Amino acid sequence: MVERLKINQFYGAPTAIRLLIKYGDQWVKKYDRSSLTTLGSVGEPINTEAWEWYNRVVGEGRCPVVDTWWQT
């Protein structure tokens, strides 16, 4: 969806992020994510490992990660 619609902001739950980590980077890296400018985490606090992976793999190290778990 990010690739097809050129989405620039992507928010995901830490649970979903940890699931992607479990299945490997290839499920994310096979898509173009160059349109992304901001990543967000929602629903619960994000752990350090998930935050670092989200930033490095999904955001390619160039997108800030906004943690908004406290808004639920």
N, C-alpha and C. Protein backbone atom coordinates (compact mmCIF):
# COMPACT_ATOMS: atom_id res chain seq x y z
N MET A 1 0.82 -1.18 0.00
CA MET A 1 0.00 0.00 0.00
C MET A 1 0.87 1.26 0.00
N VAL A 2 1.94 1.24 0.78
CA VAL A 2 2.86 2.39 0.82
C VAL A 2 3.43 2.65 -0.58
N GLU A 3 3.87 1.59 -1.24
CA GLU A 3 4.45 1.73 -2.57
C GLU A 3 3.41 2.21 -3.59
N ARG A 4 2.25 1.57 -3.58
CA ARG A 4 1.23 1.86 -4.58
C ARG A 4 0.63 3.25 -4.42
N LEU A 5 0.36 3.67 -3.19
CA LEU A 5 -0.30 4.96 -2.95
C LEU A 5 0.66 6.09 -2.58
N LYS A 6 1.97 5.77 -2.51
CA LYS A 6 2.99 6.77 -2.15
C LYS A 6 2.69 7.40 -0.79
N ILE A 7 2.33 6.57 0.16
CA ILE A 7 2.01 7.02 1.52
C ILE A 7 3.24 7.62 2.17
N ASN A 8 3.06 8.75 2.88
CA ASN A 8 4.22 9.38 3.51
C ASN A 8 4.24 9.21 5.03
N GLN A 9 3.12 8.84 5.64
CA GLN A 9 3.09 8.58 7.07
C GLN A 9 2.51 7.19 7.30
N PHE A 10 3.22 6.39 8.10
CA PHE A 10 2.76 5.04 8.39
C PHE A 10 2.80 4.80 9.88
N TYR A 11 1.66 4.44 10.45
CA TYR A 11 1.55 4.15 11.87
C TYR A 11 1.21 2.67 12.03
N GLY A 12 1.88 2.02 12.96
CA GLY A 12 1.62 0.62 13.23
C GLY A 12 1.75 0.30 14.70
N ALA A 13 1.07 -0.73 15.13
CA ALA A 13 1.15 -1.16 16.53
C ALA A 13 2.45 -1.93 16.76
N PRO A 14 3.07 -1.77 17.93
CA PRO A 14 4.27 -2.53 18.24
C PRO A 14 4.10 -4.05 18.06
N THR A 15 2.90 -4.55 18.33
CA THR A 15 2.64 -5.98 18.14
C THR A 15 2.83 -6.36 16.67
N ALA A 16 2.33 -5.54 15.76
CA ALA A 16 2.49 -5.81 14.32
C ALA A 16 3.95 -5.66 13.90
N ILE A 17 4.65 -4.70 14.47
CA ILE A 17 6.06 -4.48 14.15
C ILE A 17 6.88 -5.69 14.59
N ARG A 18 6.61 -6.21 15.80
CA ARG A 18 7.32 -7.40 16.28
C ARG A 18 7.02 -8.61 15.41
N LEU A 19 5.81 -8.71 14.88
CA LEU A 19 5.47 -9.81 13.99
C LEU A 19 6.28 -9.73 12.70
N LEU A 20 6.43 -8.53 12.15
CA LEU A 20 7.26 -8.36 10.96
C LEU A 20 8.71 -8.72 11.22
N ILE A 21 9.22 -8.36 12.39
CA ILE A 21 10.59 -8.71 12.76
C ILE A 21 10.75 -10.23 12.74
N LYS A 22 9.77 -10.91 13.28
CA LYS A 22 9.82 -12.38 13.37
C LYS A 22 9.92 -13.03 12.00
N TYR A 23 9.26 -12.45 11.00
CA TYR A 23 9.24 -13.05 9.67
C TYR A 23 10.35 -12.54 8.75
N GLY A 24 11.14 -11.60 9.21
CA GLY A 24 12.31 -11.17 8.46
C GLY A 24 12.13 -9.89 7.65
N ASP A 25 13.26 -9.27 7.36
CA ASP A 25 13.29 -7.99 6.66
C ASP A 25 12.77 -8.05 5.23
N GLN A 26 12.87 -9.21 4.61
CA GLN A 26 12.51 -9.32 3.18
C GLN A 26 11.06 -8.94 2.92
N TRP A 27 10.16 -9.13 3.89
CA TRP A 27 8.75 -8.80 3.67
C TRP A 27 8.53 -7.30 3.57
N VAL A 28 9.42 -6.53 4.11
CA VAL A 28 9.34 -5.07 4.04
C VAL A 28 10.20 -4.55 2.89
N LYS A 29 11.40 -5.07 2.77
CA LYS A 29 12.36 -4.55 1.80
C LYS A 29 11.99 -4.80 0.34
N LYS A 30 11.06 -5.70 0.08
CA LYS A 30 10.70 -5.95 -1.32
C LYS A 30 9.81 -4.84 -1.90
N TYR A 31 9.40 -3.90 -1.05
CA TYR A 31 8.55 -2.79 -1.50
C TYR A 31 9.30 -1.46 -1.43
N ASP A 32 8.95 -0.54 -2.31
CA ASP A 32 9.53 0.80 -2.30
C ASP A 32 8.90 1.61 -1.17
N ARG A 33 9.72 2.09 -0.26
CA ARG A 33 9.24 2.88 0.87
C ARG A 33 9.78 4.30 0.83
N SER A 34 10.28 4.72 -0.32
CA SER A 34 10.92 6.03 -0.43
C SER A 34 9.97 7.20 -0.19
N SER A 35 8.67 6.99 -0.30
CA SER A 35 7.71 8.07 -0.06
C SER A 35 7.50 8.34 1.43
N LEU A 36 7.88 7.39 2.29
CA LEU A 36 7.69 7.56 3.73
C LEU A 36 8.54 8.70 4.27
N THR A 37 7.92 9.53 5.10
CA THR A 37 8.64 10.61 5.76
C THR A 37 8.53 10.51 7.28
N THR A 38 7.49 9.83 7.78
CA THR A 38 7.26 9.70 9.22
C THR A 38 6.71 8.32 9.53
N LEU A 39 7.23 7.72 10.58
CA LEU A 39 6.71 6.46 11.09
C LEU A 39 6.10 6.71 12.45
N GLY A 40 5.05 5.97 12.77
CA GLY A 40 4.42 6.13 14.07
C GLY A 40 4.17 4.79 14.72
N SER A 41 4.16 4.81 16.03
CA SER A 41 3.85 3.64 16.83
C SER A 41 2.65 3.98 17.69
N VAL A 42 1.64 3.13 17.67
CA VAL A 42 0.40 3.42 18.39
C VAL A 42 -0.08 2.19 19.15
N GLY A 43 -0.87 2.42 20.20
CA GLY A 43 -1.56 1.34 20.88
C GLY A 43 -0.92 0.84 22.16
N GLU A 44 0.40 0.86 22.24
CA GLU A 44 1.12 0.38 23.42
C GLU A 44 2.54 0.91 23.33
N PRO A 45 3.27 0.91 24.44
CA PRO A 45 4.67 1.35 24.36
C PRO A 45 5.46 0.41 23.45
N ILE A 46 6.39 0.97 22.71
CA ILE A 46 7.22 0.16 21.81
C ILE A 46 8.55 -0.16 22.50
N ASN A 47 8.97 -1.40 22.41
CA ASN A 47 10.24 -1.80 23.02
C ASN A 47 11.41 -1.34 22.14
N THR A 48 12.59 -1.29 22.72
CA THR A 48 13.78 -0.77 22.04
C THR A 48 14.11 -1.55 20.77
N GLU A 49 14.09 -2.86 20.83
CA GLU A 49 14.41 -3.68 19.65
C GLU A 49 13.47 -3.39 18.49
N ALA A 50 12.16 -3.31 18.78
CA ALA A 50 11.17 -3.03 17.73
C ALA A 50 11.36 -1.62 17.17
N TRP A 51 11.61 -0.65 18.05
CA TRP A 51 11.81 0.73 17.59
C TRP A 51 13.02 0.82 16.66
N GLU A 52 14.12 0.19 17.06
CA GLU A 52 15.33 0.25 16.24
C GLU A 52 15.13 -0.43 14.89
N TRP A 53 14.44 -1.57 14.86
CA TRP A 53 14.18 -2.27 13.61
C TRP A 53 13.25 -1.44 12.72
N TYR A 54 12.20 -0.89 13.29
CA TYR A 54 11.23 -0.06 12.57
C TYR A 54 11.95 1.12 11.92
N ASN A 55 12.81 1.78 12.66
CA ASN A 55 13.57 2.92 12.16
C ASN A 55 14.53 2.49 11.05
N ARG A 56 15.29 1.43 11.30
CA ARG A 56 16.35 1.00 10.38
C ARG A 56 15.80 0.34 9.12
N VAL A 57 14.83 -0.56 9.26
CA VAL A 57 14.36 -1.34 8.11
C VAL A 57 13.20 -0.64 7.40
N VAL A 58 12.14 -0.33 8.12
CA VAL A 58 10.96 0.28 7.48
C VAL A 58 11.27 1.71 7.05
N GLY A 59 11.86 2.50 7.94
CA GLY A 59 12.14 3.90 7.64
C GLY A 59 13.49 4.14 7.00
N GLU A 60 14.25 3.09 6.78
CA GLU A 60 15.57 3.18 6.15
C GLU A 60 16.49 4.17 6.85
N GLY A 61 16.27 4.37 8.15
CA GLY A 61 17.12 5.27 8.94
C GLY A 61 16.93 6.73 8.65
N ARG A 62 15.91 7.09 7.88
CA ARG A 62 15.72 8.50 7.50
C ARG A 62 14.39 9.07 7.96
N CYS A 63 13.54 8.25 8.59
CA CYS A 63 12.21 8.70 9.03
C CYS A 63 12.15 8.75 10.55
N PRO A 64 11.71 9.87 11.12
CA PRO A 64 11.53 9.89 12.57
C PRO A 64 10.41 8.94 12.97
N VAL A 65 10.54 8.34 14.16
CA VAL A 65 9.51 7.46 14.69
C VAL A 65 8.79 8.20 15.81
N VAL A 66 7.49 8.40 15.64
CA VAL A 66 6.66 9.09 16.62
C VAL A 66 5.95 8.03 17.45
N ASP A 67 6.18 8.03 18.76
CA ASP A 67 5.56 7.05 19.65
C ASP A 67 4.36 7.70 20.32
N THR A 68 3.16 7.32 19.91
CA THR A 68 1.93 7.94 20.43
C THR A 68 1.09 6.95 21.24
N TRP A 69 1.73 6.00 21.91
CA TRP A 69 0.99 4.98 22.66
C TRP A 69 0.11 5.60 23.74
N TRP A 70 0.51 6.71 24.28
CA TRP A 70 -0.21 7.36 25.38
C TRP A 70 -1.53 7.97 24.94
N GLN A 71 -1.81 8.02 23.65
CA GLN A 71 -3.05 8.62 23.15
C GLN A 71 -4.23 7.65 23.16
N THR A 72 -3.99 6.39 23.48
CA THR A 72 -5.10 5.42 23.48
C THR A 72 -5.84 5.44 24.77
